N, C-alpha and C. Protein backbone atom coordinates (compact mmCIF):
# COMPACT_ATOMS: atom_id res chain seq x y z
N TYR A 1 -59.56 -36.21 18.64
CA TYR A 1 -60.13 -36.13 19.62
C TYR A 1 -59.71 -36.14 20.91
N GLU A 2 -59.81 -35.27 21.58
CA GLU A 2 -59.58 -35.33 23.02
C GLU A 2 -60.37 -36.25 23.86
N ARG A 3 -59.68 -37.09 24.81
CA ARG A 3 -60.19 -38.02 25.52
C ARG A 3 -60.68 -37.52 26.72
N ASN A 4 -61.75 -38.11 27.64
CA ASN A 4 -62.10 -37.75 28.53
C ASN A 4 -61.32 -38.10 29.77
N SER A 5 -60.71 -39.11 29.79
CA SER A 5 -59.87 -39.71 30.89
C SER A 5 -58.79 -40.76 30.73
N GLY A 6 -57.99 -40.97 31.25
CA GLY A 6 -56.82 -41.94 31.13
C GLY A 6 -55.60 -41.24 30.10
N VAL A 7 -54.89 -42.22 30.03
CA VAL A 7 -53.40 -41.72 29.32
C VAL A 7 -53.45 -42.85 28.00
N ILE A 8 -52.97 -42.34 26.93
CA ILE A 8 -52.51 -43.13 25.71
C ILE A 8 -51.10 -43.06 25.56
N SER A 9 -50.45 -43.99 25.66
CA SER A 9 -49.04 -44.11 25.61
C SER A 9 -48.57 -45.00 24.52
N ILE A 10 -47.52 -44.77 24.00
CA ILE A 10 -46.49 -45.36 22.87
C ILE A 10 -45.33 -45.79 23.70
N ASP A 11 -45.02 -46.93 23.68
CA ASP A 11 -43.73 -47.28 24.53
C ASP A 11 -43.52 -46.60 25.81
N ASP A 12 -44.47 -46.48 26.64
CA ASP A 12 -44.73 -46.01 27.83
C ASP A 12 -44.41 -44.48 27.79
N VAL A 13 -44.66 -43.84 26.77
CA VAL A 13 -44.44 -42.40 26.63
C VAL A 13 -45.75 -41.80 26.09
N PRO A 14 -46.34 -40.86 26.94
CA PRO A 14 -47.83 -40.46 26.47
C PRO A 14 -47.68 -39.63 25.16
N ILE A 15 -48.89 -39.93 24.44
CA ILE A 15 -48.54 -39.11 23.11
C ILE A 15 -48.50 -37.66 23.08
N GLU A 16 -48.82 -37.20 24.13
CA GLU A 16 -48.54 -35.73 24.15
C GLU A 16 -47.33 -35.16 24.11
N GLN A 17 -46.23 -35.98 24.37
CA GLN A 17 -44.81 -35.82 24.08
C GLN A 17 -44.25 -36.11 22.91
N TYR A 18 -44.93 -36.60 21.78
CA TYR A 18 -44.67 -36.91 20.73
C TYR A 18 -45.06 -35.71 19.72
N THR A 19 -44.27 -35.37 18.78
CA THR A 19 -44.69 -34.17 17.83
C THR A 19 -45.89 -34.87 16.93
N LEU A 20 -46.74 -34.08 16.31
CA LEU A 20 -47.73 -34.66 15.54
C LEU A 20 -47.24 -35.23 14.31
N GLU A 21 -46.29 -34.65 13.76
CA GLU A 21 -45.50 -35.18 12.56
C GLU A 21 -44.98 -36.74 12.80
N SER A 22 -44.37 -36.73 14.26
CA SER A 22 -43.51 -38.27 14.20
C SER A 22 -44.81 -39.34 14.50
N LEU A 23 -45.84 -38.72 15.12
CA LEU A 23 -47.03 -39.69 15.38
C LEU A 23 -47.57 -40.02 13.98
N ARG A 24 -47.93 -39.24 13.04
CA ARG A 24 -48.45 -39.42 11.91
C ARG A 24 -47.57 -40.20 10.98
N LYS A 25 -46.14 -40.22 11.21
CA LYS A 25 -45.37 -40.99 10.23
C LYS A 25 -45.33 -42.28 10.84
N GLY A 26 -45.64 -42.60 12.04
CA GLY A 26 -45.45 -43.85 12.85
C GLY A 26 -46.65 -44.72 12.66
N ILE A 27 -47.64 -44.38 12.33
CA ILE A 27 -48.94 -44.65 12.48
C ILE A 27 -49.68 -44.72 10.94
N ALA A 28 -50.14 -45.78 10.47
CA ALA A 28 -51.01 -46.10 9.20
C ALA A 28 -52.33 -46.71 9.73
N ILE A 29 -53.37 -45.91 9.10
CA ILE A 29 -54.82 -46.19 9.19
C ILE A 29 -55.45 -46.88 8.22
N VAL A 30 -56.11 -47.94 7.71
CA VAL A 30 -57.05 -48.26 6.77
C VAL A 30 -58.20 -48.35 7.25
N LEU A 31 -59.12 -47.60 6.56
CA LEU A 31 -60.36 -47.38 6.92
C LEU A 31 -61.43 -48.34 6.20
N GLN A 32 -62.49 -48.32 6.58
CA GLN A 32 -63.71 -48.85 5.75
C GLN A 32 -63.89 -48.34 4.48
N ASP A 33 -63.77 -47.29 4.43
CA ASP A 33 -64.21 -46.39 3.32
C ASP A 33 -63.02 -45.85 2.68
N VAL A 34 -62.30 -46.23 1.64
CA VAL A 34 -61.01 -45.91 1.18
C VAL A 34 -61.19 -44.59 0.09
N PHE A 35 -60.29 -43.82 0.38
CA PHE A 35 -60.23 -42.32 -0.40
C PHE A 35 -59.24 -42.36 -1.31
N LEU A 36 -59.53 -42.47 -2.59
CA LEU A 36 -58.47 -42.39 -3.59
C LEU A 36 -58.92 -41.22 -4.41
N PHE A 37 -57.69 -40.71 -4.82
CA PHE A 37 -57.76 -39.28 -5.65
C PHE A 37 -57.87 -39.77 -7.26
N ALA A 38 -58.25 -38.89 -8.02
CA ALA A 38 -58.13 -39.21 -9.40
C ALA A 38 -56.90 -38.91 -10.06
N ASP A 39 -56.27 -40.19 -10.07
CA ASP A 39 -54.94 -40.32 -10.41
C ASP A 39 -54.28 -41.68 -10.34
N SER A 40 -53.37 -41.93 -10.82
CA SER A 40 -52.76 -43.27 -10.95
C SER A 40 -52.67 -44.13 -9.92
N ILE A 41 -52.65 -45.33 -9.74
CA ILE A 41 -52.69 -46.13 -8.70
C ILE A 41 -51.15 -45.75 -8.00
N LEU A 42 -50.15 -45.52 -8.88
CA LEU A 42 -48.84 -45.41 -8.15
C LEU A 42 -48.98 -44.02 -7.33
N ASN A 43 -49.43 -43.05 -7.92
CA ASN A 43 -49.61 -41.87 -6.87
C ASN A 43 -50.49 -41.90 -5.67
N ASN A 44 -51.42 -42.98 -5.93
CA ASN A 44 -52.32 -43.00 -4.73
C ASN A 44 -51.65 -43.81 -3.74
N ILE A 45 -50.73 -44.65 -3.99
CA ILE A 45 -50.10 -45.60 -3.32
C ILE A 45 -48.89 -44.73 -2.44
N THR A 46 -48.11 -43.76 -3.19
CA THR A 46 -47.06 -43.16 -2.75
C THR A 46 -47.50 -41.64 -2.13
N LEU A 47 -48.63 -41.28 -2.38
CA LEU A 47 -49.26 -40.13 -2.22
C LEU A 47 -48.27 -39.05 -2.66
N ASN A 48 -47.73 -39.04 -3.74
CA ASN A 48 -46.82 -38.37 -4.54
C ASN A 48 -45.60 -38.05 -3.81
N ASP A 49 -45.19 -38.95 -2.95
CA ASP A 49 -43.93 -38.63 -2.44
C ASP A 49 -42.74 -39.28 -2.96
N PRO A 50 -41.81 -38.37 -3.53
CA PRO A 50 -41.15 -38.64 -4.50
C PRO A 50 -39.84 -39.74 -3.82
N SER A 51 -39.77 -39.56 -2.67
CA SER A 51 -38.94 -40.66 -1.91
C SER A 51 -39.25 -42.37 -2.17
N ILE A 52 -40.72 -42.35 -2.23
CA ILE A 52 -41.04 -43.90 -2.85
C ILE A 52 -40.76 -44.08 -4.18
N LYS A 53 -39.93 -44.87 -4.45
CA LYS A 53 -39.89 -45.22 -5.97
C LYS A 53 -40.86 -46.15 -6.32
N GLU A 54 -41.32 -46.44 -7.70
CA GLU A 54 -42.05 -47.38 -8.44
C GLU A 54 -41.65 -48.71 -8.16
N ALA A 55 -40.21 -49.04 -7.94
CA ALA A 55 -39.70 -50.37 -7.72
C ALA A 55 -40.02 -50.64 -6.29
N THR A 56 -40.04 -49.65 -5.42
CA THR A 56 -40.32 -50.12 -4.01
C THR A 56 -41.90 -50.64 -3.88
N VAL A 57 -42.72 -49.74 -4.65
CA VAL A 57 -44.19 -50.15 -4.58
C VAL A 57 -44.40 -51.34 -5.24
N ILE A 58 -43.90 -51.64 -6.38
CA ILE A 58 -44.05 -52.96 -7.17
C ILE A 58 -43.57 -54.27 -6.13
N ALA A 59 -42.44 -54.11 -5.28
CA ALA A 59 -41.68 -54.88 -4.40
C ALA A 59 -42.89 -55.39 -3.12
N ALA A 60 -43.54 -54.33 -2.77
CA ALA A 60 -44.33 -54.37 -1.64
C ALA A 60 -45.57 -54.97 -2.13
N ALA A 61 -46.11 -54.84 -3.38
CA ALA A 61 -47.41 -55.35 -4.00
C ALA A 61 -47.09 -56.84 -3.93
N LYS A 62 -46.11 -57.27 -4.52
CA LYS A 62 -45.91 -58.63 -4.65
C LYS A 62 -45.51 -59.28 -3.07
N GLU A 63 -45.15 -58.36 -2.31
CA GLU A 63 -45.16 -59.13 -0.90
C GLU A 63 -46.58 -59.50 -0.32
N ILE A 64 -47.32 -58.63 -0.66
CA ILE A 64 -48.82 -58.49 0.32
C ILE A 64 -49.66 -59.23 -0.66
N GLY A 65 -49.40 -59.63 -2.12
CA GLY A 65 -50.06 -60.45 -2.94
C GLY A 65 -51.07 -59.64 -3.99
N VAL A 66 -50.72 -58.16 -4.16
CA VAL A 66 -51.78 -57.70 -5.04
C VAL A 66 -51.19 -57.03 -6.36
N HIS A 67 -49.71 -57.67 -6.46
CA HIS A 67 -49.23 -57.23 -7.93
C HIS A 67 -49.99 -57.51 -8.90
N ASP A 68 -50.37 -59.00 -9.08
CA ASP A 68 -51.15 -59.32 -10.31
C ASP A 68 -52.21 -58.77 -10.31
N PHE A 69 -53.11 -58.29 -9.36
CA PHE A 69 -54.35 -57.55 -9.55
C PHE A 69 -54.03 -56.26 -10.31
N ILE A 70 -52.85 -55.50 -9.84
CA ILE A 70 -52.54 -54.25 -10.44
C ILE A 70 -52.20 -54.34 -11.76
N GLU A 71 -51.33 -55.54 -12.14
CA GLU A 71 -50.89 -55.70 -13.34
C GLU A 71 -52.00 -56.11 -14.55
N SER A 72 -53.06 -56.58 -14.19
CA SER A 72 -54.00 -56.98 -14.58
C SER A 72 -54.81 -55.81 -15.44
N LEU A 73 -54.65 -54.36 -14.64
CA LEU A 73 -55.48 -53.35 -15.11
C LEU A 73 -54.79 -52.71 -16.27
N PRO A 74 -55.43 -51.96 -17.32
CA PRO A 74 -54.87 -51.38 -18.33
C PRO A 74 -54.01 -50.41 -17.62
N GLY A 75 -52.55 -50.62 -18.15
CA GLY A 75 -51.71 -49.50 -17.74
C GLY A 75 -50.97 -49.83 -16.39
N GLY A 76 -51.49 -50.97 -15.65
CA GLY A 76 -50.92 -51.35 -14.36
C GLY A 76 -50.88 -50.23 -13.34
N TYR A 77 -49.60 -49.97 -12.96
CA TYR A 77 -49.52 -49.15 -11.91
C TYR A 77 -49.83 -47.82 -12.16
N HIS A 78 -49.95 -47.39 -13.57
CA HIS A 78 -50.26 -45.94 -14.08
C HIS A 78 -51.67 -45.93 -14.52
N TYR A 79 -52.58 -47.02 -14.08
CA TYR A 79 -53.90 -46.93 -14.43
C TYR A 79 -54.72 -45.63 -13.57
N ASN A 80 -55.33 -44.89 -14.34
CA ASN A 80 -56.16 -43.78 -13.69
C ASN A 80 -57.13 -44.35 -12.96
N VAL A 81 -57.54 -44.22 -11.51
CA VAL A 81 -58.59 -44.80 -10.86
C VAL A 81 -59.71 -43.97 -11.20
N LYS A 82 -59.71 -42.73 -11.46
CA LYS A 82 -60.57 -41.62 -11.46
C LYS A 82 -61.04 -41.07 -10.29
N GLU A 83 -62.17 -40.41 -10.12
CA GLU A 83 -62.70 -39.60 -9.03
C GLU A 83 -62.80 -40.75 -7.89
N ARG A 84 -62.55 -40.78 -6.47
CA ARG A 84 -62.57 -41.72 -5.52
C ARG A 84 -62.51 -43.32 -6.07
N GLY A 85 -61.82 -43.45 -6.82
CA GLY A 85 -61.50 -44.67 -7.29
C GLY A 85 -62.71 -45.70 -7.69
N SER A 86 -63.44 -44.53 -8.75
CA SER A 86 -64.97 -45.26 -8.97
C SER A 86 -64.62 -46.28 -10.11
N MET A 87 -63.51 -46.53 -10.85
CA MET A 87 -62.95 -47.53 -11.78
C MET A 87 -62.93 -48.74 -10.92
N LEU A 88 -62.89 -49.06 -9.79
CA LEU A 88 -62.35 -50.13 -9.14
C LEU A 88 -63.47 -50.78 -8.33
N SER A 89 -63.65 -51.94 -7.84
CA SER A 89 -64.77 -52.36 -6.71
C SER A 89 -64.01 -52.14 -5.35
N SER A 90 -65.20 -52.31 -4.36
CA SER A 90 -64.73 -51.58 -2.88
C SER A 90 -63.35 -52.68 -2.65
N GLY A 91 -63.51 -53.72 -3.16
CA GLY A 91 -62.34 -54.70 -2.40
C GLY A 91 -61.14 -54.38 -3.33
N GLN A 92 -61.33 -53.82 -4.34
CA GLN A 92 -59.84 -53.40 -5.05
C GLN A 92 -59.59 -52.21 -4.55
N ARG A 93 -60.13 -51.24 -4.18
CA ARG A 93 -59.93 -50.07 -3.35
C ARG A 93 -59.19 -50.27 -2.02
N GLN A 94 -59.95 -51.45 -1.31
CA GLN A 94 -59.24 -51.99 -0.12
C GLN A 94 -57.91 -52.46 -0.27
N LEU A 95 -57.82 -53.08 -1.20
CA LEU A 95 -56.22 -53.79 -1.49
C LEU A 95 -55.13 -52.70 -1.64
N LEU A 96 -55.75 -51.37 -2.39
CA LEU A 96 -54.81 -50.38 -2.68
C LEU A 96 -54.42 -49.48 -1.38
N ALA A 97 -55.51 -49.67 -0.29
CA ALA A 97 -55.12 -48.79 0.91
C ALA A 97 -54.34 -49.84 1.70
N PHE A 98 -54.46 -51.10 1.49
CA PHE A 98 -53.40 -52.06 2.27
C PHE A 98 -51.99 -51.86 1.85
N LEU A 99 -51.84 -51.66 0.57
CA LEU A 99 -50.49 -51.46 -0.37
C LEU A 99 -50.28 -50.06 0.43
N ARG A 100 -50.83 -48.92 0.23
CA ARG A 100 -50.72 -47.59 0.88
C ARG A 100 -50.07 -47.73 2.32
N ALA A 101 -50.72 -48.60 3.12
CA ALA A 101 -50.28 -48.53 4.57
C ALA A 101 -48.85 -49.32 4.53
N TYR A 102 -48.73 -50.42 3.81
CA TYR A 102 -47.73 -51.29 3.89
C TYR A 102 -46.43 -50.68 3.28
N VAL A 103 -46.54 -49.94 2.23
CA VAL A 103 -45.17 -48.80 1.71
C VAL A 103 -44.83 -48.12 2.79
N SER A 104 -45.70 -47.65 3.59
CA SER A 104 -45.33 -46.43 4.40
C SER A 104 -44.60 -47.09 5.86
N GLN A 105 -44.54 -48.52 5.81
CA GLN A 105 -43.87 -49.16 6.85
C GLN A 105 -44.10 -48.53 8.40
N PRO A 106 -45.32 -48.50 8.80
CA PRO A 106 -45.67 -47.88 9.89
C PRO A 106 -45.22 -48.88 11.16
N ASP A 107 -44.94 -48.18 12.34
CA ASP A 107 -44.79 -49.09 13.68
C ASP A 107 -46.13 -49.48 14.16
N ILE A 108 -47.06 -48.58 13.87
CA ILE A 108 -48.55 -49.00 14.44
C ILE A 108 -49.52 -48.97 13.46
N LEU A 109 -50.11 -49.87 13.29
CA LEU A 109 -51.33 -50.36 12.13
C LEU A 109 -52.75 -50.21 12.70
N ILE A 110 -53.53 -49.42 12.40
CA ILE A 110 -55.01 -49.51 12.79
C ILE A 110 -55.85 -49.80 11.47
N LEU A 111 -56.34 -51.06 11.54
CA LEU A 111 -57.53 -51.22 10.61
C LEU A 111 -58.83 -50.96 11.26
N ASP A 112 -59.70 -50.08 10.85
CA ASP A 112 -60.82 -49.85 11.31
C ASP A 112 -61.99 -50.51 10.20
N GLU A 113 -62.43 -51.41 10.66
CA GLU A 113 -63.65 -52.22 9.55
C GLU A 113 -62.95 -52.47 8.33
N ALA A 114 -61.67 -52.54 8.12
CA ALA A 114 -61.20 -52.53 6.90
C ALA A 114 -61.55 -53.79 5.94
N THR A 115 -62.23 -54.61 6.43
CA THR A 115 -62.68 -55.85 5.42
C THR A 115 -63.96 -55.98 5.63
N SER A 116 -64.95 -55.12 5.82
CA SER A 116 -66.21 -55.18 6.23
C SER A 116 -67.15 -55.23 4.82
N SER A 117 -66.64 -54.33 3.85
CA SER A 117 -67.44 -54.27 2.57
C SER A 117 -66.67 -54.57 1.23
N ILE A 118 -66.01 -56.15 1.41
CA ILE A 118 -65.32 -56.28 0.24
C ILE A 118 -66.14 -57.60 -0.34
N ASP A 119 -65.74 -57.75 -1.86
CA ASP A 119 -66.25 -58.76 -2.59
C ASP A 119 -65.35 -59.80 -2.23
N THR A 120 -66.20 -61.13 -2.68
CA THR A 120 -65.55 -62.69 -2.25
C THR A 120 -64.13 -62.55 -3.07
N TYR A 121 -63.96 -62.08 -4.10
CA TYR A 121 -62.57 -62.26 -4.68
C TYR A 121 -61.58 -61.66 -4.02
N SER A 122 -61.90 -60.54 -3.65
CA SER A 122 -60.92 -59.56 -2.74
C SER A 122 -60.60 -60.21 -1.47
N GLU A 123 -61.58 -60.97 -0.70
CA GLU A 123 -61.47 -61.35 0.80
C GLU A 123 -60.23 -62.07 1.03
N GLU A 124 -60.08 -63.21 -0.07
CA GLU A 124 -58.80 -63.90 0.32
C GLU A 124 -57.41 -63.09 0.11
N LEU A 125 -57.49 -62.44 -0.96
CA LEU A 125 -56.31 -61.30 -0.97
C LEU A 125 -56.06 -60.36 0.17
N ILE A 126 -57.27 -59.95 0.76
CA ILE A 126 -57.02 -59.13 1.78
C ILE A 126 -56.62 -59.76 3.27
N GLN A 127 -57.12 -60.88 3.38
CA GLN A 127 -56.61 -61.78 4.58
C GLN A 127 -55.17 -62.28 4.20
N GLN A 128 -54.50 -62.24 3.14
CA GLN A 128 -53.29 -62.40 3.15
C GLN A 128 -52.60 -61.11 3.30
N ALA A 129 -52.94 -60.17 2.82
CA ALA A 129 -52.39 -58.82 3.02
C ALA A 129 -52.51 -58.57 4.29
N THR A 130 -53.67 -58.81 5.20
CA THR A 130 -53.73 -58.48 6.53
C THR A 130 -52.40 -59.16 7.40
N GLN A 131 -52.48 -60.26 7.05
CA GLN A 131 -51.40 -61.29 7.82
C GLN A 131 -50.06 -60.70 7.69
N LYS A 132 -49.81 -60.03 6.40
CA LYS A 132 -48.35 -59.72 6.02
C LYS A 132 -48.32 -58.27 6.65
N LEU A 133 -49.27 -57.43 6.57
CA LEU A 133 -49.19 -56.09 7.06
C LEU A 133 -49.17 -56.05 8.51
N THR A 134 -49.92 -57.02 9.16
CA THR A 134 -49.72 -56.90 10.80
C THR A 134 -48.56 -57.61 11.10
N GLN A 135 -47.82 -58.33 10.63
CA GLN A 135 -46.56 -59.27 11.06
C GLN A 135 -45.56 -58.14 11.55
N GLY A 136 -45.18 -58.29 12.95
CA GLY A 136 -43.79 -57.50 13.32
C GLY A 136 -44.40 -56.19 13.58
N ARG A 137 -45.69 -55.89 13.65
CA ARG A 137 -45.98 -54.38 14.27
C ARG A 137 -47.11 -54.54 14.96
N THR A 138 -47.45 -53.40 16.08
CA THR A 138 -48.76 -53.33 16.86
C THR A 138 -49.82 -52.94 15.91
N SER A 139 -50.61 -53.82 16.07
CA SER A 139 -51.86 -53.77 15.30
C SER A 139 -53.00 -53.42 15.89
N LEU A 140 -53.89 -52.74 15.84
CA LEU A 140 -55.22 -52.56 16.18
C LEU A 140 -56.24 -52.89 15.07
N VAL A 141 -56.99 -53.88 15.36
CA VAL A 141 -57.93 -54.36 14.46
C VAL A 141 -59.48 -54.16 15.08
N ILE A 142 -60.09 -53.09 14.27
CA ILE A 142 -61.59 -52.92 14.71
C ILE A 142 -62.21 -53.77 13.54
N ALA A 143 -63.21 -54.78 14.06
CA ALA A 143 -63.84 -55.55 12.96
C ALA A 143 -65.02 -56.24 13.47
N HIS A 144 -66.14 -56.32 12.63
CA HIS A 144 -67.31 -57.33 13.27
C HIS A 144 -67.11 -58.67 12.36
N ARG A 145 -66.29 -58.58 11.38
CA ARG A 145 -66.04 -59.86 10.84
C ARG A 145 -64.94 -60.38 11.58
N LEU A 146 -65.11 -61.46 12.17
CA LEU A 146 -64.35 -62.40 12.98
C LEU A 146 -63.13 -62.98 12.39
N ALA A 147 -63.43 -63.41 11.13
CA ALA A 147 -62.02 -64.12 10.41
C ALA A 147 -60.84 -63.06 10.33
N THR A 148 -61.26 -61.88 10.51
CA THR A 148 -60.37 -61.04 10.46
C THR A 148 -59.35 -60.96 11.59
N VAL A 149 -59.90 -61.43 13.02
CA VAL A 149 -59.37 -61.11 14.16
C VAL A 149 -58.78 -62.73 14.88
N LYS A 150 -59.25 -63.71 14.21
CA LYS A 150 -58.86 -64.97 14.71
C LYS A 150 -57.61 -64.93 15.11
N LYS A 151 -56.52 -64.51 14.48
CA LYS A 151 -55.18 -64.92 15.01
C LYS A 151 -54.54 -63.86 15.79
N ALA A 152 -55.23 -62.94 16.26
CA ALA A 152 -54.82 -61.92 16.94
C ALA A 152 -54.62 -62.39 18.39
N ASP A 153 -53.18 -61.72 18.98
CA ASP A 153 -52.80 -62.10 20.29
C ASP A 153 -53.78 -61.96 21.39
N SER A 154 -54.40 -60.90 21.40
CA SER A 154 -55.47 -60.52 22.22
C SER A 154 -56.76 -59.97 21.76
N ILE A 155 -57.87 -60.46 21.92
CA ILE A 155 -59.27 -59.96 21.22
C ILE A 155 -60.03 -59.38 22.53
N ILE A 156 -60.31 -58.29 22.12
CA ILE A 156 -61.17 -57.47 23.17
C ILE A 156 -62.78 -57.38 22.61
N VAL A 157 -63.78 -57.88 23.28
CA VAL A 157 -65.10 -57.75 22.84
C VAL A 157 -65.79 -56.59 23.38
N MET A 158 -66.24 -55.98 22.53
CA MET A 158 -67.05 -54.72 23.19
C MET A 158 -68.50 -54.80 22.74
N ASP A 159 -69.60 -54.42 23.72
CA ASP A 159 -70.97 -54.44 23.39
C ASP A 159 -71.27 -53.15 24.18
N GLN A 160 -71.83 -52.24 23.03
CA GLN A 160 -72.54 -50.79 23.62
C GLN A 160 -71.31 -49.90 24.34
N GLY A 161 -70.34 -50.12 23.80
CA GLY A 161 -68.96 -49.38 24.37
C GLY A 161 -68.38 -49.99 25.75
N HIS A 162 -68.63 -51.26 26.32
CA HIS A 162 -68.32 -51.87 27.38
C HIS A 162 -67.56 -53.00 26.78
N ILE A 163 -66.37 -53.32 27.54
CA ILE A 163 -65.52 -54.57 27.40
C ILE A 163 -66.36 -55.74 27.93
N VAL A 164 -66.78 -56.86 27.08
CA VAL A 164 -67.49 -57.64 27.96
C VAL A 164 -66.67 -59.02 27.97
N GLU A 165 -65.98 -59.22 26.92
CA GLU A 165 -64.79 -60.53 27.18
C GLU A 165 -63.45 -60.20 26.64
N GLN A 166 -62.25 -60.78 26.81
CA GLN A 166 -61.23 -60.58 26.36
C GLN A 166 -60.40 -61.83 26.43
N GLY A 167 -59.62 -62.17 25.32
CA GLY A 167 -58.70 -63.32 25.29
C GLY A 167 -58.17 -63.54 23.95
N THR A 168 -57.66 -64.69 23.74
CA THR A 168 -57.44 -65.29 22.49
C THR A 168 -58.58 -65.77 21.85
N HIS A 169 -58.68 -66.07 20.37
CA HIS A 169 -59.75 -66.88 19.70
C HIS A 169 -60.13 -68.19 20.36
N LYS A 170 -59.10 -68.97 20.82
CA LYS A 170 -59.50 -70.34 21.48
C LYS A 170 -59.89 -69.98 22.66
N GLN A 171 -59.38 -68.92 23.50
CA GLN A 171 -60.02 -68.78 24.70
C GLN A 171 -61.42 -68.33 25.07
N LEU A 172 -61.68 -67.65 23.94
CA LEU A 172 -63.15 -67.12 23.82
C LEU A 172 -64.10 -67.88 23.30
N LEU A 173 -63.68 -68.87 22.49
CA LEU A 173 -64.48 -70.05 21.87
C LEU A 173 -64.85 -70.97 23.11
N GLN A 174 -64.07 -70.98 24.15
CA GLN A 174 -64.20 -72.04 25.11
C GLN A 174 -65.09 -71.41 26.44
N LEU A 175 -65.66 -70.27 26.27
CA LEU A 175 -66.31 -69.56 27.33
C LEU A 175 -67.93 -69.95 27.00
N ALA A 176 -68.56 -70.67 27.84
CA ALA A 176 -69.94 -71.25 27.58
C ALA A 176 -70.77 -70.07 27.63
N ASP A 177 -71.53 -70.20 26.65
CA ASP A 177 -72.60 -69.12 26.27
C ASP A 177 -71.90 -67.29 26.08
N GLY A 178 -70.79 -67.59 25.54
CA GLY A 178 -69.69 -66.65 25.54
C GLY A 178 -70.41 -65.64 24.45
N TYR A 179 -70.42 -64.27 24.52
CA TYR A 179 -70.51 -63.52 23.52
C TYR A 179 -69.90 -63.60 22.07
N TYR A 180 -68.37 -63.77 22.37
CA TYR A 180 -67.82 -63.96 21.05
C TYR A 180 -68.02 -65.25 20.41
N LYS A 181 -68.36 -66.27 21.27
CA LYS A 181 -68.61 -67.58 20.77
C LYS A 181 -69.80 -67.37 20.04
N ASN A 182 -71.06 -66.94 20.41
CA ASN A 182 -72.35 -66.87 19.82
C ASN A 182 -72.20 -66.24 18.46
N LEU A 183 -71.30 -64.88 18.56
CA LEU A 183 -71.20 -64.20 17.25
C LEU A 183 -70.40 -65.33 16.35
N TYR A 184 -69.41 -65.83 16.59
CA TYR A 184 -68.42 -66.57 15.88
C TYR A 184 -69.54 -67.80 15.15
N GLU A 185 -70.05 -68.37 16.00
CA GLU A 185 -70.93 -69.32 15.47
C GLU A 185 -71.87 -68.96 14.34
N VAL A 186 -72.71 -67.81 14.88
CA VAL A 186 -73.80 -67.10 14.00
C VAL A 186 -73.09 -66.81 12.62
N GLN A 187 -71.76 -66.11 12.61
CA GLN A 187 -71.21 -65.74 11.30
C GLN A 187 -70.60 -66.89 10.58
N PHE A 188 -70.25 -68.02 11.09
CA PHE A 188 -69.65 -69.05 10.37
C PHE A 188 -70.69 -70.08 9.85
N MET A 189 -71.87 -70.15 10.52
CA MET A 189 -73.06 -70.70 10.07
C MET A 189 -73.54 -70.16 8.80
N ALA A 190 -73.70 -68.81 8.91
CA ALA A 190 -74.29 -68.13 7.82
C ALA A 190 -73.49 -68.20 6.60
N GLU A 191 -72.02 -68.33 6.72
CA GLU A 191 -71.22 -68.41 5.59
C GLU A 191 -71.49 -69.88 5.02
N GLU A 192 -71.47 -70.86 5.82
CA GLU A 192 -71.58 -72.06 5.57
C GLU A 192 -72.76 -72.38 4.53
N MET A 193 -73.98 -71.86 5.03
CA MET A 193 -75.20 -71.78 4.30
C MET A 193 -75.17 -71.25 2.86
N VAL A 194 -74.27 -70.14 2.71
CA VAL A 194 -74.03 -69.42 1.57
C VAL A 194 -73.44 -70.16 0.49
């Protein structure tokens, strides 16, 4: 999309000065709705890129904690997920999307509501994968689920398209009657009641 105003820069260079190919190679995106092809887990992770070897995928899966889940499936990394990954839960599909992003080793990672529709079993694995995946790279995490952003260096709270607060988790919790603080209390009270 074209923006209406302002400049988007990476390392102080406006994005218009990058080639589309270099931008795409340097950025990985994990969306709320994961698209998987009717193919093996391995091919869905590598996107049929022959330069990414199975051993690389297995090592990455072990690093982010999803190897055991994949190995538990019939055929492991060669398990056919069928059309749009219909043989897997939403949380399992999300774990594969995290692995796909991790294998690409992006400079910039965008997680857009990547943890919003996951099952309880997958939530802990996804939190571990998120921590590993965001480590050492610029990460933009868009989330309503505040557990996903608690460890962020900077949290920008938006309401109806406007920035209403900004700071670390700790700083935002200290704001009397703060927007983030109220959201946090509502979410975690609801989780404690379950």
